[in-house]
């Protein structure tokens, strides 16, 4: 999710029903087996009578290959804010485009953040 979320950020999150997700929101999805989590932006939400299908993408990595499927009663963790350098910031739905952050800059920036804050 770089450059909108950077290594060392502490995320604030709340649960919401899957059907209440909107494009632009950042959500935490449980990967296969539930041992790992993926923080990605919601791109589209399709709601039918019994389930909700969510397409997500990383701000830098692009669209996810699969889609997330939820039944109407499922809850999803939604990121509402970020604690960065001792200040709390609300998470907006706008993202910095991928083409403005080439991979070399990402690696350099992440290396600096790791040295300074970890």
N, C-alpha and C. Protein backbone atom coordinates (compact mmCIF):
# COMPACT_ATOMS: atom_id res chain seq x y z
N UNK A 1 0.82 -1.20 0.00
CA UNK A 1 0.00 0.00 0.00
C UNK A 1 0.86 1.26 0.00
N UNK A 2 2.17 1.10 -0.15
CA UNK A 2 3.02 2.26 -0.22
C UNK A 2 2.66 3.04 -1.48
N UNK A 3 2.64 4.31 -1.50
CA UNK A 3 3.14 5.28 -0.54
C UNK A 3 2.09 5.81 0.42
N UNK A 4 0.87 5.31 0.35
CA UNK A 4 -0.18 5.80 1.25
C UNK A 4 -0.04 5.25 2.66
N UNK A 5 0.42 4.02 2.78
CA UNK A 5 0.77 3.42 4.06
C UNK A 5 2.23 3.03 3.96
N UNK A 6 3.01 3.34 4.98
CA UNK A 6 4.44 3.05 4.91
C UNK A 6 4.82 2.09 6.04
N UNK A 7 5.96 1.39 5.88
CA UNK A 7 6.40 0.50 6.95
C UNK A 7 6.55 1.27 8.25
N UNK A 8 6.05 0.70 9.32
CA UNK A 8 6.10 1.34 10.63
C UNK A 8 4.80 2.02 11.02
N UNK A 9 3.89 2.21 10.06
CA UNK A 9 2.59 2.80 10.39
C UNK A 9 1.81 1.85 11.29
N UNK A 10 1.10 2.41 12.23
CA UNK A 10 0.20 1.63 13.08
C UNK A 10 -1.21 1.96 12.62
N UNK A 11 -1.94 0.94 12.22
CA UNK A 11 -3.27 1.15 11.65
C UNK A 11 -4.34 1.09 12.73
N UNK A 12 -5.31 1.97 12.61
CA UNK A 12 -6.50 1.92 13.46
C UNK A 12 -7.61 1.36 12.59
N UNK A 13 -8.34 0.39 13.13
CA UNK A 13 -9.34 -0.28 12.32
C UNK A 13 -10.61 -0.54 13.11
N UNK A 14 -11.71 -0.66 12.39
CA UNK A 14 -13.01 -0.99 12.96
C UNK A 14 -13.68 -2.03 12.07
N UNK A 15 -14.53 -2.82 12.69
CA UNK A 15 -15.28 -3.80 11.91
C UNK A 15 -16.53 -3.16 11.33
N UNK A 16 -16.86 -3.58 10.11
CA UNK A 16 -18.11 -3.15 9.49
C UNK A 16 -18.64 -4.33 8.69
N UNK A 17 -19.90 -4.29 8.37
CA UNK A 17 -20.47 -5.37 7.57
C UNK A 17 -19.92 -5.27 6.15
N UNK A 18 -19.68 -6.42 5.54
CA UNK A 18 -19.10 -6.46 4.20
C UNK A 18 -19.93 -5.66 3.20
N UNK A 19 -21.23 -5.68 3.35
CA UNK A 19 -22.09 -4.97 2.41
C UNK A 19 -21.99 -3.45 2.54
N UNK A 20 -21.37 -2.95 3.63
CA UNK A 20 -21.20 -1.51 3.82
C UNK A 20 -19.88 -0.98 3.27
N UNK A 21 -19.04 -1.87 2.72
CA UNK A 21 -17.79 -1.42 2.12
C UNK A 21 -18.09 -0.59 0.87
N UNK A 22 -17.26 0.41 0.65
CA UNK A 22 -17.41 1.29 -0.52
C UNK A 22 -16.06 1.37 -1.23
N UNK A 23 -16.05 1.58 -2.54
CA UNK A 23 -14.78 1.76 -3.25
C UNK A 23 -13.99 2.92 -2.65
N UNK A 24 -12.70 2.71 -2.52
CA UNK A 24 -11.82 3.72 -1.94
C UNK A 24 -11.44 3.42 -0.49
N UNK A 25 -12.26 2.64 0.21
CA UNK A 25 -11.94 2.28 1.59
C UNK A 25 -10.76 1.32 1.60
N UNK A 26 -10.02 1.32 2.70
CA UNK A 26 -8.93 0.36 2.89
C UNK A 26 -9.41 -0.69 3.88
N UNK A 27 -9.27 -1.95 3.50
CA UNK A 27 -9.77 -3.04 4.34
C UNK A 27 -8.66 -4.05 4.61
N UNK A 28 -8.84 -4.82 5.68
CA UNK A 28 -7.90 -5.88 6.06
C UNK A 28 -8.59 -7.21 5.73
N UNK A 29 -7.99 -7.96 4.82
CA UNK A 29 -8.56 -9.23 4.40
C UNK A 29 -7.70 -10.37 4.92
N UNK A 30 -8.34 -11.44 5.39
CA UNK A 30 -7.62 -12.62 5.87
C UNK A 30 -7.29 -13.50 4.66
N UNK A 31 -6.00 -13.80 4.49
CA UNK A 31 -5.57 -14.66 3.39
C UNK A 31 -5.95 -16.10 3.71
N UNK A 32 -5.69 -16.99 2.75
CA UNK A 32 -6.03 -18.40 2.91
C UNK A 32 -5.53 -18.94 4.24
N UNK A 33 -6.40 -19.60 4.98
CA UNK A 33 -6.04 -20.18 6.26
C UNK A 33 -6.15 -19.21 7.43
N UNK A 34 -6.28 -17.92 7.15
CA UNK A 34 -6.46 -16.93 8.20
C UNK A 34 -5.21 -16.59 9.00
N UNK A 35 -4.04 -17.08 8.57
CA UNK A 35 -2.81 -16.81 9.31
C UNK A 35 -2.15 -15.50 8.88
N UNK A 36 -2.39 -15.07 7.66
CA UNK A 36 -1.80 -13.85 7.13
C UNK A 36 -2.91 -12.89 6.75
N UNK A 37 -2.59 -11.61 6.79
CA UNK A 37 -3.58 -10.60 6.44
C UNK A 37 -3.05 -9.70 5.34
N UNK A 38 -3.96 -9.21 4.52
CA UNK A 38 -3.63 -8.33 3.40
C UNK A 38 -4.39 -7.04 3.60
N UNK A 39 -3.68 -5.92 3.54
CA UNK A 39 -4.31 -4.61 3.65
C UNK A 39 -4.32 -4.01 2.26
N UNK A 40 -5.52 -3.91 1.67
CA UNK A 40 -5.67 -3.39 0.31
C UNK A 40 -6.88 -2.47 0.22
N UNK A 41 -6.89 -1.67 -0.84
CA UNK A 41 -7.97 -0.74 -1.09
C UNK A 41 -9.10 -1.45 -1.83
N UNK A 42 -10.34 -1.16 -1.45
CA UNK A 42 -11.51 -1.72 -2.11
C UNK A 42 -11.71 -0.99 -3.44
N UNK A 43 -11.80 -1.75 -4.52
CA UNK A 43 -11.97 -1.17 -5.85
C UNK A 43 -13.44 -1.21 -6.26
N UNK A 44 -14.10 -2.33 -6.02
CA UNK A 44 -15.52 -2.45 -6.37
C UNK A 44 -16.21 -3.40 -5.41
N UNK A 45 -17.51 -3.19 -5.25
CA UNK A 45 -18.33 -4.03 -4.38
C UNK A 45 -19.60 -4.39 -5.16
N UNK A 46 -19.86 -5.70 -5.27
CA UNK A 46 -21.11 -6.18 -5.89
C UNK A 46 -21.92 -6.90 -4.83
N UNK A 47 -23.13 -6.45 -4.62
CA UNK A 47 -23.99 -7.03 -3.60
C UNK A 47 -25.15 -7.74 -4.26
N UNK A 48 -25.34 -8.99 -3.89
CA UNK A 48 -26.52 -9.73 -4.35
C UNK A 48 -27.34 -10.09 -3.12
N UNK A 49 -28.38 -10.85 -3.29
CA UNK A 49 -29.29 -11.14 -2.18
C UNK A 49 -28.62 -11.86 -1.01
N UNK A 50 -27.68 -12.77 -1.29
CA UNK A 50 -27.10 -13.55 -0.20
C UNK A 50 -25.60 -13.37 0.00
N UNK A 51 -24.91 -12.66 -0.90
CA UNK A 51 -23.48 -12.47 -0.69
C UNK A 51 -22.98 -11.14 -1.25
N UNK A 52 -21.75 -10.81 -0.84
CA UNK A 52 -21.08 -9.59 -1.27
C UNK A 52 -19.73 -9.99 -1.86
N UNK A 53 -19.44 -9.51 -3.06
CA UNK A 53 -18.18 -9.80 -3.73
C UNK A 53 -17.38 -8.50 -3.80
N UNK A 54 -16.15 -8.55 -3.28
CA UNK A 54 -15.31 -7.36 -3.21
C UNK A 54 -14.06 -7.58 -4.06
N UNK A 55 -13.76 -6.62 -4.93
CA UNK A 55 -12.50 -6.62 -5.68
C UNK A 55 -11.59 -5.62 -5.01
N UNK A 56 -10.34 -6.01 -4.74
CA UNK A 56 -9.41 -5.11 -4.06
C UNK A 56 -8.12 -4.99 -4.86
N UNK A 57 -7.32 -4.00 -4.46
CA UNK A 57 -6.04 -3.77 -5.12
C UNK A 57 -5.11 -3.06 -4.17
N UNK A 58 -3.83 -3.31 -4.34
CA UNK A 58 -2.82 -2.54 -3.63
C UNK A 58 -2.61 -1.24 -4.37
N UNK A 59 -2.29 -0.18 -3.67
CA UNK A 59 -2.09 1.10 -4.35
C UNK A 59 -0.93 1.03 -5.33
N UNK A 60 0.07 0.20 -5.05
CA UNK A 60 1.22 0.04 -5.94
C UNK A 60 1.17 -1.23 -6.76
N UNK A 61 0.62 -2.29 -6.19
CA UNK A 61 0.71 -3.60 -6.85
C UNK A 61 -0.42 -3.85 -7.85
N UNK A 62 -1.44 -3.05 -7.86
CA UNK A 62 -2.53 -3.23 -8.80
C UNK A 62 -3.58 -4.21 -8.30
N UNK A 63 -4.48 -4.58 -9.22
CA UNK A 63 -5.62 -5.43 -8.87
C UNK A 63 -5.19 -6.80 -8.35
N UNK A 64 -5.91 -7.30 -7.35
CA UNK A 64 -5.69 -8.66 -6.86
C UNK A 64 -6.24 -9.64 -7.90
N UNK A 65 -5.63 -10.82 -7.96
CA UNK A 65 -6.06 -11.82 -8.93
C UNK A 65 -7.46 -12.33 -8.65
N UNK A 66 -7.76 -12.58 -7.40
CA UNK A 66 -9.07 -13.12 -7.03
C UNK A 66 -9.97 -12.06 -6.46
N UNK A 67 -11.13 -12.49 -6.02
CA UNK A 67 -12.08 -11.59 -5.37
C UNK A 67 -12.40 -12.16 -4.00
N UNK A 68 -12.83 -11.30 -3.11
CA UNK A 68 -13.20 -11.71 -1.76
C UNK A 68 -14.71 -11.88 -1.73
N UNK A 69 -15.17 -13.02 -1.23
CA UNK A 69 -16.61 -13.31 -1.16
C UNK A 69 -17.03 -13.39 0.30
N UNK A 70 -18.12 -12.70 0.61
CA UNK A 70 -18.64 -12.67 1.97
C UNK A 70 -20.14 -12.92 1.92
N UNK A 71 -20.66 -13.57 2.98
CA UNK A 71 -22.11 -13.66 3.10
C UNK A 71 -22.58 -12.38 3.79
N UNK A 72 -23.85 -12.09 3.72
CA UNK A 72 -24.37 -10.80 4.17
C UNK A 72 -24.09 -10.50 5.64
N UNK A 73 -23.93 -11.52 6.47
CA UNK A 73 -23.70 -11.28 7.90
C UNK A 73 -22.23 -11.16 8.28
N UNK A 74 -21.31 -11.37 7.32
CA UNK A 74 -19.87 -11.30 7.61
C UNK A 74 -19.43 -9.87 7.91
N UNK A 75 -18.42 -9.78 8.77
CA UNK A 75 -17.81 -8.49 9.09
C UNK A 75 -16.41 -8.43 8.49
N UNK A 76 -16.03 -7.23 8.07
CA UNK A 76 -14.71 -7.00 7.50
C UNK A 76 -14.06 -5.89 8.32
N UNK A 77 -12.76 -6.00 8.52
CA UNK A 77 -12.04 -4.97 9.24
C UNK A 77 -11.66 -3.85 8.27
N UNK A 78 -12.06 -2.63 8.59
CA UNK A 78 -11.84 -1.46 7.74
C UNK A 78 -10.85 -0.53 8.44
N UNK A 79 -9.84 -0.07 7.72
CA UNK A 79 -8.84 0.84 8.28
C UNK A 79 -9.44 2.24 8.32
N UNK A 80 -9.42 2.86 9.51
CA UNK A 80 -10.01 4.19 9.67
C UNK A 80 -8.96 5.27 9.88
N UNK A 81 -7.74 4.88 10.24
CA UNK A 81 -6.71 5.88 10.47
C UNK A 81 -5.34 5.26 10.62
N UNK A 82 -4.34 6.14 10.66
CA UNK A 82 -2.96 5.71 10.74
C UNK A 82 -2.23 6.54 11.79
N UNK A 83 -1.47 5.87 12.64
CA UNK A 83 -0.60 6.56 13.58
C UNK A 83 0.80 6.55 12.98
N UNK A 84 1.30 7.72 12.64
CA UNK A 84 2.60 7.83 12.00
C UNK A 84 3.39 8.93 12.69
N UNK A 85 4.55 8.57 13.19
CA UNK A 85 5.44 9.52 13.88
C UNK A 85 4.73 10.26 15.01
N UNK A 86 3.91 9.55 15.74
CA UNK A 86 3.24 10.11 16.90
C UNK A 86 2.00 10.93 16.61
N UNK A 87 1.60 11.03 15.34
CA UNK A 87 0.40 11.79 14.98
C UNK A 87 -0.60 10.86 14.31
N UNK A 88 -1.85 11.05 14.67
CA UNK A 88 -2.92 10.25 14.09
C UNK A 88 -3.47 10.97 12.87
N UNK A 89 -3.64 10.23 11.77
CA UNK A 89 -4.18 10.78 10.53
C UNK A 89 -5.37 9.94 10.09
N UNK A 90 -6.44 10.58 9.65
CA UNK A 90 -7.56 9.84 9.06
C UNK A 90 -7.14 9.31 7.70
N UNK A 91 -7.68 8.17 7.32
CA UNK A 91 -7.38 7.58 6.03
C UNK A 91 -8.40 8.08 5.03
N UNK A 92 -7.92 8.65 3.95
CA UNK A 92 -8.79 9.13 2.89
C UNK A 92 -8.98 8.09 1.82
N UNK A 93 -9.86 8.36 0.90
CA UNK A 93 -10.11 7.41 -0.18
C UNK A 93 -9.25 7.70 -1.40
N UNK A 94 -8.51 8.81 -1.40
CA UNK A 94 -7.65 9.13 -2.52
C UNK A 94 -6.30 8.45 -2.34
N UNK A 95 -5.71 8.02 -3.41
CA UNK A 95 -4.41 7.36 -3.32
C UNK A 95 -3.42 8.03 -4.26
N UNK A 96 -2.15 7.86 -3.95
CA UNK A 96 -1.10 8.35 -4.83
C UNK A 96 -0.95 7.34 -5.95
N UNK A 97 -1.01 7.76 -7.20
CA UNK A 97 -0.95 6.81 -8.32
C UNK A 97 0.36 6.03 -8.35
N UNK A 98 0.28 4.81 -8.85
CA UNK A 98 1.41 3.91 -8.89
C UNK A 98 2.55 4.48 -9.75
N UNK A 99 2.23 5.14 -10.85
CA UNK A 99 3.28 5.60 -11.75
C UNK A 99 4.12 6.73 -11.15
N UNK A 100 3.63 7.35 -10.06
CA UNK A 100 4.40 8.40 -9.40
C UNK A 100 5.39 7.86 -8.38
N UNK A 101 5.40 6.55 -8.18
CA UNK A 101 6.30 5.97 -7.18
C UNK A 101 7.01 4.75 -7.76
N UNK A 102 8.02 4.97 -8.61
CA UNK A 102 8.73 3.84 -9.21
C UNK A 102 9.39 2.94 -8.16
N UNK A 103 9.62 1.71 -8.53
CA UNK A 103 10.08 0.70 -7.57
C UNK A 103 11.41 1.04 -6.91
N UNK A 104 12.34 1.66 -7.61
CA UNK A 104 13.61 2.02 -7.00
C UNK A 104 13.39 3.00 -5.86
N UNK A 105 12.54 4.00 -6.07
CA UNK A 105 12.24 4.95 -5.02
C UNK A 105 11.58 4.28 -3.83
N UNK A 106 10.71 3.30 -4.09
CA UNK A 106 10.04 2.57 -3.02
C UNK A 106 11.08 1.85 -2.17
N UNK A 107 12.00 1.16 -2.80
CA UNK A 107 13.02 0.42 -2.06
C UNK A 107 13.90 1.36 -1.23
N UNK A 108 14.29 2.48 -1.81
CA UNK A 108 15.12 3.44 -1.08
C UNK A 108 14.35 4.01 0.11
N UNK A 109 13.12 4.43 -0.14
CA UNK A 109 12.31 5.02 0.93
C UNK A 109 12.07 4.02 2.05
N UNK A 110 11.70 2.79 1.71
CA UNK A 110 11.45 1.77 2.74
C UNK A 110 12.71 1.46 3.53
N UNK A 111 13.87 1.46 2.86
CA UNK A 111 15.13 1.25 3.56
C UNK A 111 15.41 2.36 4.57
N UNK A 112 15.16 3.60 4.18
CA UNK A 112 15.36 4.73 5.08
C UNK A 112 14.41 4.64 6.27
N UNK A 113 13.14 4.34 6.00
CA UNK A 113 12.15 4.24 7.08
C UNK A 113 12.55 3.14 8.06
N UNK A 114 13.00 1.99 7.55
CA UNK A 114 13.42 0.90 8.44
C UNK A 114 14.61 1.32 9.32
N UNK A 115 15.58 2.02 8.74
CA UNK A 115 16.75 2.46 9.52
C UNK A 115 16.37 3.48 10.58
N UNK A 116 15.47 4.40 10.25
CA UNK A 116 15.13 5.47 11.16
C UNK A 116 14.13 5.09 12.25
N UNK A 117 13.15 4.24 11.91
CA UNK A 117 12.03 4.02 12.82
C UNK A 117 11.91 2.61 13.37
N UNK A 118 12.70 1.65 12.87
CA UNK A 118 12.57 0.28 13.39
C UNK A 118 13.73 -0.07 14.26
